[in-house]
C-alpha atoms as a PDB file:
ATOM      1  CA  UNK A   1       5.220   5.791  12.364  1.00  0.00           C
ATOM      2  CA  UNK A   2       6.512   2.478  12.095  1.00  0.00           C
ATOM      3  CA  UNK A   3       5.487   2.621   8.596  1.00  0.00           C
ATOM      4  CA  UNK A   4       6.704   6.240   8.271  1.00  0.00           C
ATOM      5  CA  UNK A   5      10.383   5.205   9.115  1.00  0.00           C
ATOM      6  CA  UNK A   6      10.123   2.203   6.071  1.00  0.00           C
ATOM      7  CA  UNK A   7       8.966   5.088   3.861  1.00  0.00           C
ATOM      8  CA  UNK A   8      11.511   7.301   4.929  1.00  0.00           C
ATOM      9  CA  UNK A   9      13.991   4.409   4.227  1.00  0.00           C
ATOM     10  CA  UNK A  10      12.396   3.183   0.976  1.00  0.00           C
ATOM     11  CA  UNK A  11      12.994   7.135  -0.343  1.00  0.00           C
ATOM     12  CA  UNK A  12      16.386   7.466   0.933  1.00  0.00           C
ATOM     13  CA  UNK A  13      17.569   4.198  -1.112  1.00  0.00           C
ATOM     14  CA  UNK A  14      15.151   4.535  -3.945  1.00  0.00           C
ATOM     15  CA  UNK A  15      17.652   6.544  -6.500  1.00  0.00           C
ATOM     16  CA  UNK A  16      20.141   3.659  -5.898  1.00  0.00           C
ATOM     17  CA  UNK A  17      17.699   0.836  -6.319  1.00  0.00           C
ATOM     18  CA  UNK A  18      16.544   2.568  -9.411  1.00  0.00           C
ATOM     19  CA  UNK A  19      19.861   2.242 -10.883  1.00  0.00           C
ATOM     20  CA  UNK A  20      19.980  -1.499 -10.319  1.00  0.00           C
ATOM     21  CA  UNK A  21      16.710  -1.977 -10.915  1.00  0.00           C
ATOM     22  CA  UNK A  22      16.816  -0.164 -14.585  1.00  0.00           C
ATOM     23  CA  UNK A  23      19.989  -2.138 -15.326  1.00  0.00           C
ATOM     24  CA  UNK A  24      18.107  -5.869 -15.597  1.00  0.00           C
ATOM     25  CA  UNK A  25      16.644  -7.143 -19.328  1.00  0.00           C
ATOM     26  CA  UNK A  26      13.385  -7.460 -19.320  1.00  0.00           C
ATOM     27  CA  UNK A  27      13.529 -10.778 -19.895  1.00  0.00           C
ATOM     28  CA  UNK A  28      14.733 -11.116 -16.367  1.00  0.00           C
ATOM     29  CA  UNK A  29      12.164  -9.002 -14.809  1.00  0.00           C
ATOM     30  CA  UNK A  30       9.807 -11.912 -13.541  1.00  0.00           C
ATOM     31  CA  UNK A  31      12.829 -13.650 -12.349  1.00  0.00           C
ATOM     32  CA  UNK A  32      13.482 -10.867 -10.068  1.00  0.00           C
ATOM     33  CA  UNK A  33      10.475 -10.406  -9.130  1.00  0.00           C
ATOM     34  CA  UNK A  34      10.105 -14.328  -8.300  1.00  0.00           C
ATOM     35  CA  UNK A  35      13.267 -13.414  -6.256  1.00  0.00           C
ATOM     36  CA  UNK A  36      11.628 -10.730  -4.139  1.00  0.00           C
ATOM     37  CA  UNK A  37       8.794 -12.659  -3.071  1.00  0.00           C
ATOM     38  CA  UNK A  38      11.326 -15.699  -2.425  1.00  0.00           C
ATOM     39  CA  UNK A  39      13.041 -13.338  -0.298  1.00  0.00           C
ATOM     40  CA  UNK A  40       9.965 -12.213   1.427  1.00  0.00           C
ATOM     41  CA  UNK A  41       9.106 -16.047   2.535  1.00  0.00           C
ATOM     42  CA  UNK A  42      12.593 -16.539   3.557  1.00  0.00           C
ATOM     43  CA  UNK A  43      12.584 -13.783   5.807  1.00  0.00           C
ATOM     44  CA  UNK A  44       9.243 -15.555   7.288  1.00  0.00           C
ATOM     45  CA  UNK A  45      10.925 -18.404   8.107  1.00  0.00           C
ATOM     46  CA  UNK A  46      14.023 -16.521   9.744  1.00  0.00           C
ATOM     47  CA  UNK A  47      11.033 -14.740  11.539  1.00  0.00           C
ATOM     48  CA  UNK A  48       9.475 -17.793  12.618  1.00  0.00           C
ATOM     49  CA  UNK A  49      12.024 -20.512  12.973  1.00  0.00           C
ATOM     50  CA  UNK A  50      15.277 -18.505  13.710  1.00  0.00           C
ATOM     51  CA  UNK A  51      14.411 -15.415  16.264  1.00  0.00           C
ATOM     52  CA  UNK A  52      13.389 -16.313  19.861  1.00  0.00           C
ATOM     53  CA  UNK A  53       9.813 -16.212  20.693  1.00  0.00           C
ATOM     54  CA  UNK A  54       6.534 -17.381  21.709  1.00  0.00           C
ATOM     55  CA  UNK A  55       5.216 -21.191  20.079  1.00  0.00           C
ATOM     56  CA  UNK A  56       1.978 -20.957  22.561  1.00  0.00           C
ATOM     57  CA  UNK A  57      -1.672 -20.611  21.126  1.00  0.00           C
ATOM     58  CA  UNK A  58      -2.005 -17.336  23.462  1.00  0.00           C
ATOM     59  CA  UNK A  59       1.427 -15.796  22.360  1.00  0.00           C
ATOM     60  CA  UNK A  60       2.180 -17.403  18.868  1.00  0.00           C
ATOM     61  CA  UNK A  61       4.794 -14.746  18.458  1.00  0.00           C
ATOM     62  CA  UNK A  62       6.953 -12.732  20.675  1.00  0.00           C
ATOM     63  CA  UNK A  63       7.543  -8.929  20.672  1.00  0.00           C
ATOM     64  CA  UNK A  64      11.092  -8.879  19.272  1.00  0.00           C
ATOM     65  CA  UNK A  65       9.568 -11.736  16.413  1.00  0.00           C
ATOM     66  CA  UNK A  66       6.604  -9.152  15.572  1.00  0.00           C
ATOM     67  CA  UNK A  67       9.499  -6.455  15.251  1.00  0.00           C
ATOM     68  CA  UNK A  68      11.586  -8.120  13.162  1.00  0.00           C
ATOM     69  CA  UNK A  69       8.906  -9.815  10.403  1.00  0.00           C
ATOM     70  CA  UNK A  70       6.380  -7.060  10.607  1.00  0.00           C
ATOM     71  CA  UNK A  71       8.622  -3.835  12.067  1.00  0.00           C
ATOM     72  CA  UNK A  72      12.203  -3.551  11.138  1.00  0.00           C
ATOM     73  CA  UNK A  73      12.188  -0.954   8.242  1.00  0.00           C
ATOM     74  CA  UNK A  74      14.721  -3.008   6.225  1.00  0.00           C
ATOM     75  CA  UNK A  75      12.532  -6.197   6.156  1.00  0.00           C
ATOM     76  CA  UNK A  76      10.042  -4.800   4.127  1.00  0.00           C
ATOM     77  CA  UNK A  77      12.628  -3.978   1.448  1.00  0.00           C
ATOM     78  CA  UNK A  78      11.551  -6.675  -0.445  1.00  0.00           C
ATOM     79  CA  UNK A  79       8.216  -5.547  -1.353  1.00  0.00           C
ATOM     80  CA  UNK A  80       9.494  -1.971  -2.500  1.00  0.00           C
ATOM     81  CA  UNK A  81      11.967  -3.367  -4.647  1.00  0.00           C
ATOM     82  CA  UNK A  82       8.971  -6.364  -5.925  1.00  0.00           C
ATOM     83  CA  UNK A  83       6.893  -2.874  -6.513  1.00  0.00           C
ATOM     84  CA  UNK A  84       9.680  -1.632  -8.657  1.00  0.00           C
ATOM     85  CA  UNK A  85      10.209  -4.113 -10.831  1.00  0.00           C
ATOM     86  CA  UNK A  86       6.385  -4.658 -11.157  1.00  0.00           C
ATOM     87  CA  UNK A  87       6.504  -1.492 -12.566  1.00  0.00           C
ATOM     88  CA  UNK A  88       8.858  -2.227 -15.018  1.00  0.00           C
ATOM     89  CA  UNK A  89       7.121  -4.975 -16.189  1.00  0.00           C
ATOM     90  CA  UNK A  90       3.743  -2.793 -16.990  1.00  0.00           C
ATOM     91  CA  UNK A  91       5.805  -0.268 -18.768  1.00  0.00           C
ATOM     92  CA  UNK A  92       7.392  -3.362 -20.454  1.00  0.00           C
ATOM     93  CA  UNK A  93       4.381  -4.692 -21.751  1.00  0.00           C
ATOM     94  CA  UNK A  94       5.253  -7.556 -19.815  1.00  0.00           C
ATOM     95  CA  UNK A  95       2.156  -8.037 -17.830  1.00  0.00           C
ATOM     96  CA  UNK A  96      -0.062 -11.184 -19.107  1.00  0.00           C
ATOM     97  CA  UNK A  97      -4.044 -10.643 -19.500  1.00  0.00           C
ATOM     98  CA  UNK A  98      -4.815 -11.019 -16.234  1.00  0.00           C
ATOM     99  CA  UNK A  99      -8.007  -8.747 -15.698  1.00  0.00           C
ATOM    100  CA  UNK A 100      -9.154  -6.483 -12.570  1.00  0.00           C
ATOM    101  CA  UNK A 101     -11.694  -8.569 -11.884  1.00  0.00           C
ATOM    102  CA  UNK A 102      -9.671 -11.455 -11.412  1.00  0.00           C
ATOM    103  CA  UNK A 103      -7.437  -9.672  -9.957  1.00  0.00           C
ATOM    104  CA  UNK A 104      -9.584  -8.356  -7.085  1.00  0.00           C
ATOM    105  CA  UNK A 105     -11.483 -11.482  -6.163  1.00  0.00           C
ATOM    106  CA  UNK A 106      -7.355 -12.825  -6.167  1.00  0.00           C
ATOM    107  CA  UNK A 107      -7.050 -10.272  -3.637  1.00  0.00           C
ATOM    108  CA  UNK A 108     -10.332 -11.492  -1.458  1.00  0.00           C
ATOM    109  CA  UNK A 109      -8.965 -14.997  -0.833  1.00  0.00           C
ATOM    110  CA  UNK A 110      -5.658 -13.564  -0.452  1.00  0.00           C
ATOM    111  CA  UNK A 111      -6.717 -11.837   3.022  1.00  0.00           C
ATOM    112  CA  UNK A 112      -9.295 -14.601   3.924  1.00  0.00           C
ATOM    113  CA  UNK A 113      -6.292 -17.157   3.988  1.00  0.00           C
ATOM    114  CA  UNK A 114      -4.429 -14.972   6.012  1.00  0.00           C
ATOM    115  CA  UNK A 115      -6.794 -14.826   8.792  1.00  0.00           C
ATOM    116  CA  UNK A 116      -6.253 -19.030   8.406  1.00  0.00           C
ATOM    117  CA  UNK A 117      -2.223 -19.103   7.873  1.00  0.00           C
ATOM    118  CA  UNK A 118       0.393 -18.590  11.180  1.00  0.00           C
ATOM    119  CA  UNK A 119       0.541 -15.297  11.748  1.00  0.00           C
ATOM    120  CA  UNK A 120       4.057 -14.368  10.199  1.00  0.00           C
ATOM    121  CA  UNK A 121       2.623 -15.391   6.489  1.00  0.00           C
ATOM    122  CA  UNK A 122      -0.789 -13.089   7.059  1.00  0.00           C
ATOM    123  CA  UNK A 123       1.747 -10.270   7.704  1.00  0.00           C
ATOM    124  CA  UNK A 124       2.737  -9.783   4.198  1.00  0.00           C
ATOM    125  CA  UNK A 125       3.647 -13.524   1.856  1.00  0.00           C
ATOM    126  CA  UNK A 126      -0.064 -14.018   1.790  1.00  0.00           C
ATOM    127  CA  UNK A 127      -1.595 -11.267  -0.157  1.00  0.00           C
ATOM    128  CA  UNK A 128       1.701  -9.999  -1.945  1.00  0.00           C
ATOM    129  CA  UNK A 129       0.624 -12.052  -5.196  1.00  0.00           C
ATOM    130  CA  UNK A 130      -2.875 -10.746  -4.638  1.00  0.00           C
ATOM    131  CA  UNK A 131      -2.245  -7.140  -4.182  1.00  0.00           C
ATOM    132  CA  UNK A 132       0.788  -6.825  -6.720  1.00  0.00           C
ATOM    133  CA  UNK A 133      -1.302  -8.727  -9.345  1.00  0.00           C
ATOM    134  CA  UNK A 134      -4.764  -6.313  -8.414  1.00  0.00           C
ATOM    135  CA  UNK A 135      -2.154  -3.500  -8.942  1.00  0.00           C
ATOM    136  CA  UNK A 136      -0.727  -4.249 -12.187  1.00  0.00           C
ATOM    137  CA  UNK A 137      -3.850  -5.506 -13.496  1.00  0.00           C
ATOM    138  CA  UNK A 138      -5.291  -1.786 -12.285  1.00  0.00           C
ATOM    139  CA  UNK A 139      -2.196  -0.085 -14.103  1.00  0.00           C
ATOM    140  CA  UNK A 140      -1.722  -1.615 -16.994  1.00  0.00           C
ATOM    141  CA  UNK A 141      -5.607  -0.921 -18.011  1.00  0.00           C
ATOM    142  CA  UNK A 142      -4.823   2.815 -16.637  1.00  0.00           C
ATOM    143  CA  UNK A 143      -1.972   2.641 -19.017  1.00  0.00           C
ATOM    144  CA  UNK A 144      -3.732   1.438 -22.654  1.00  0.00           C
ATOM    145  CA  UNK A 145      -6.766   3.962 -21.966  1.00  0.00           C
ATOM    146  CA  UNK A 146      -9.203   1.096 -20.807  1.00  0.00           C
ATOM    147  CA  UNK A 147     -12.471   2.558 -19.872  1.00  0.00           C
ATOM    148  CA  UNK A 148     -12.874   1.937 -15.956  1.00  0.00           C
ATOM    149  CA  UNK A 149     -14.624   3.065 -12.890  1.00  0.00           C
ATOM    150  CA  UNK A 150     -11.818   4.216 -11.510  1.00  0.00           C
ATOM    151  CA  UNK A 151     -11.449   7.268 -13.343  1.00  0.00           C
ATOM    152  CA  UNK A 152     -14.947   8.601 -12.432  1.00  0.00           C
ATOM    153  CA  UNK A 153     -14.303  11.982 -10.778  1.00  0.00           C
ATOM    154  CA  UNK A 154     -15.120  10.544  -7.198  1.00  0.00           C
ATOM    155  CA  UNK A 155     -13.018   7.674  -7.451  1.00  0.00           C
ATOM    156  CA  UNK A 156     -10.107  10.159  -8.027  1.00  0.00           C
ATOM    157  CA  UNK A 157     -10.703  12.062  -5.406  1.00  0.00           C
ATOM    158  CA  UNK A 158     -10.682   9.269  -3.067  1.00  0.00           C
ATOM    159  CA  UNK A 159      -7.293   8.331  -4.655  1.00  0.00           C
ATOM    160  CA  UNK A 160      -5.832  11.933  -3.715  1.00  0.00           C
ATOM    161  CA  UNK A 161      -7.276  11.855  -0.026  1.00  0.00           C
ATOM    162  CA  UNK A 162      -6.189   8.075   0.614  1.00  0.00           C
ATOM    163  CA  UNK A 163      -2.832   8.835   1.694  1.00  0.00           C
ATOM    164  CA  UNK A 164      -4.053  10.918   4.628  1.00  0.00           C
ATOM    165  CA  UNK A 165      -6.712   8.637   5.076  1.00  0.00           C
ATOM    166  CA  UNK A 166      -4.526   6.231   5.677  1.00  0.00           C
ATOM    167  CA  UNK A 167      -1.859   8.521   7.843  1.00  0.00           C
ATOM    168  CA  UNK A 168      -5.065   9.170  10.137  1.00  0.00           C
ATOM    169  CA  UNK A 169      -7.107   6.394  10.511  1.00  0.00           C
ATOM    170  CA  UNK A 170      -5.438   5.169  13.679  1.00  0.00           C
ATOM    171  CA  UNK A 171      -5.884   8.426  15.310  1.00  0.00           C
ATOM    172  CA  UNK A 172      -9.398   8.221  14.225  1.00  0.00           C
ATOM    173  CA  UNK A 173     -10.504   5.254  15.077  1.00  0.00           C
ATOM    174  CA  UNK A 174      -8.404   4.170  18.505  1.00  0.00           C
ATOM    175  CA  UNK A 175      -9.558   7.644  20.263  1.00  0.00           C
ATOM    176  CA  UNK A 176     -12.838   8.119  18.734  1.00  0.00           C
ATOM    177  CA  UNK A 177     -13.553   4.561  19.888  1.00  0.00           C
ATOM    178  CA  UNK A 178     -12.332   5.357  23.548  1.00  0.00           C
ATOM    179  CA  UNK A 179     -14.694   8.467  23.133  1.00  0.00           C
ATOM    180  CA  UNK A 180     -17.296   6.306  22.113  1.00  0.00           C
ATOM    181  CA  UNK A 181     -16.577   3.295  24.578  1.00  0.00           C
ATOM    182  CA  UNK A 182     -19.123   1.052  26.307  1.00  0.00           C
ATOM    183  CA  UNK A 183     -21.567  -1.453  25.188  1.00  0.00           C
ATOM    184  CA  UNK A 184     -24.380  -0.608  22.609  1.00  0.00           C
ATOM    185  CA  UNK A 185     -26.292  -2.638  20.155  1.00  0.00           C
ATOM    186  CA  UNK A 186     -25.697  -3.547  16.740  1.00  0.00           C
ATOM    187  CA  UNK A 187     -27.305  -0.414  15.158  1.00  0.00           C
ATOM    188  CA  UNK A 188     -25.236   2.081  17.563  1.00  0.00           C
ATOM    189  CA  UNK A 189     -22.044  -0.052  16.757  1.00  0.00           C
ATOM    190  CA  UNK A 190     -22.740   0.402  12.969  1.00  0.00           C
ATOM    191  CA  UNK A 191     -23.818   4.047  13.571  1.00  0.00           C
ATOM    192  CA  UNK A 192     -20.235   4.327  15.181  1.00  0.00           C
ATOM    193  CA  UNK A 193     -18.411   2.666  12.796  1.00  0.00           C
ATOM    194  CA  UNK A 194     -20.181   4.906   9.948  1.00  0.00           C
ATOM    195  CA  UNK A 195     -19.198   7.995  12.213  1.00  0.00           C
ATOM    196  CA  UNK A 196     -15.735   7.152  12.038  1.00  0.00           C
ATOM    197  CA  UNK A 197     -15.449   6.530   8.413  1.00  0.00           C
ATOM    198  CA  UNK A 198     -16.769   9.699   8.033  1.00  0.00           C
ATOM    199  CA  UNK A 199     -14.110  11.975  10.367  1.00  0.00           C
ATOM    200  CA  UNK A 200     -11.261   9.377   9.112  1.00  0.00           C
ATOM    201  CA  UNK A 201     -12.179  10.169   5.751  1.00  0.00           C
ATOM    202  CA  UNK A 202     -12.485  14.376   6.660  1.00  0.00           C
ATOM    203  CA  UNK A 203      -9.239  14.550   8.069  1.00  0.00           C
ATOM    204  CA  UNK A 204      -7.385  12.718   5.112  1.00  0.00           C
ATOM    205  CA  UNK A 205      -9.487  15.591   2.682  1.00  0.00           C
ATOM    206  CA  UNK A 206      -8.443  18.150   5.153  1.00  0.00           C
ATOM    207  CA  UNK A 207      -4.208  16.697   5.051  1.00  0.00           C
ATOM    208  CA  UNK A 208      -4.576  16.851   1.045  1.00  0.00           C
ATOM    209  CA  UNK A 209      -6.492  19.686   0.479  1.00  0.00           C
ATOM    210  CA  UNK A 210      -4.087  21.941   3.605  1.00  0.00           C
ATOM    211  CA  UNK A 211      -0.693  20.133   3.502  1.00  0.00           C
ATOM    212  CA  UNK A 212      -0.203  17.840   0.576  1.00  0.00           C
ATOM    213  CA  UNK A 213      -0.996  20.156  -2.101  1.00  0.00           C
ATOM    214  CA  UNK A 214       0.334  23.661  -1.080  1.00  0.00           C
ATOM    215  CA  UNK A 215       3.520  21.301  -0.453  1.00  0.00           C
ATOM    216  CA  UNK A 216       3.452  19.922  -3.978  1.00  0.00           C
ATOM    217  CA  UNK A 217       2.931  23.232  -5.335  1.00  0.00           C
ATOM    218  CA  UNK A 218       5.939  24.241  -3.463  1.00  0.00           C
ATOM    219  CA  UNK A 219       8.050  21.886  -3.546  1.00  0.00           C
ATOM    220  CA  UNK A 220       7.372  18.700  -6.293  1.00  0.00           C
ATOM    221  CA  UNK A 221       8.152  21.499  -9.405  1.00  0.00           C
ATOM    222  CA  UNK A 222      11.377  22.967 -10.460  1.00  0.00           C
ATOM    223  CA  UNK A 223      13.986  20.762 -12.906  1.00  0.00           C
ATOM    224  CA  UNK A 224      12.205  22.668 -15.457  1.00  0.00           C
ATOM    225  CA  UNK A 225       9.318  21.308 -14.846  1.00  0.00           C
ATOM    226  CA  UNK A 226       6.378  24.479 -14.657  1.00  0.00           C
ATOM    227  CA  UNK A 227       4.618  24.618 -11.188  1.00  0.00           C
ATOM    228  CA  UNK A 228       0.664  24.553 -12.485  1.00  0.00           C
ATOM    229  CA  UNK A 229      -1.206  27.555 -11.474  1.00  0.00           C
ATOM    230  CA  UNK A 230      -4.934  26.910  -9.469  1.00  0.00           C
ATOM    231  CA  UNK A 231      -6.762  26.138 -12.502  1.00  0.00           C
ATOM    232  CA  UNK A 232      -4.384  23.498 -14.223  1.00  0.00           C
ATOM    233  CA  UNK A 233      -4.071  21.618 -10.819  1.00  0.00           C
ATOM    234  CA  UNK A 234      -7.945  21.269 -10.825  1.00  0.00           C
ATOM    235  CA  UNK A 235      -7.359  20.112 -14.461  1.00  0.00           C
ATOM    236  CA  UNK A 236      -5.354  17.458 -13.128  1.00  0.00           C
ATOM    237  CA  UNK A 237      -7.691  16.720  -9.937  1.00  0.00           C
ATOM    238  CA  UNK A 238     -10.470  15.559 -12.783  1.00  0.00           C
ATOM    239  CA  UNK A 239      -8.323  14.202 -14.962  1.00  0.00           C
ATOM    240  CA  UNK A 240      -7.401   9.993 -15.788  1.00  0.00           C
ATOM    241  CA  UNK A 241      -4.958   9.212 -13.839  1.00  0.00           C
END
C-alpha cells in the first residue's frame, strides 16, 4: 500500500516534472542524473545521522528512520526523477555502449553489496546505479531493434503480468506461509516456495487479464488514439515492446 502511495504522488507530479525535465539540454542530462543520485545519498545521510533512531546491532534503525528513509513518498522522488532523466538519455542516444550482460552482473553485485552495507544504504543507494544501468541497457537494445530473448512471447507475457505479480506477492506469500506454517524438511520447504511462486504468478495473470487490460481498453485510449479491438490487442501482446 505504501508503494502505491508513492506511485500516486509520482503520477500526480509527473506533468509538472516532465515540463522541467524536457527543458534540460541534452548535454546536461548526465549532470542532472548525477545530481539525482547525490540527492538520494544526502537523503540517506539525513536518515542515518539527523532523524532520531536506534544505533544498536539489534535495532540499527528506529521506526521513524525506516519510515523517512524508505516509506515516505516524497523521499523516493529522486528515484522517479532519475528514471525520467535516464529515459531522456536513452532517447537522446547518449547512453554509452554498456551491454545488458555487464549491467546484469553489476546488478547482482549491487544486491550482494546491499546485504553488507549499513541498512540505509541498502534501501536504494547501493542498487540504484546498477539497476539504472540494466534498465537503460535493455531499453537501448529495444530502441535499436537488437535481437533479445526478452522479445519472446513468454517474456512478453511475464512482463505484462509483472505488475499484478508485484501487487499480489505480499498477500500470497504472507497468508500462504501462514497456512503452511510449521517445521518442514528442505524438499517440502522448496515445494512450498514453488507453490507460492506459481500462486503469485497466477494471481498476477488474473489481475492483468481481468482488471488491467479491461481498464486499459476502457480508459487508456482517446485523444484521437483509436481503441484497439481484441485482435489488435492480441497482436500487441505478440509484438516486441
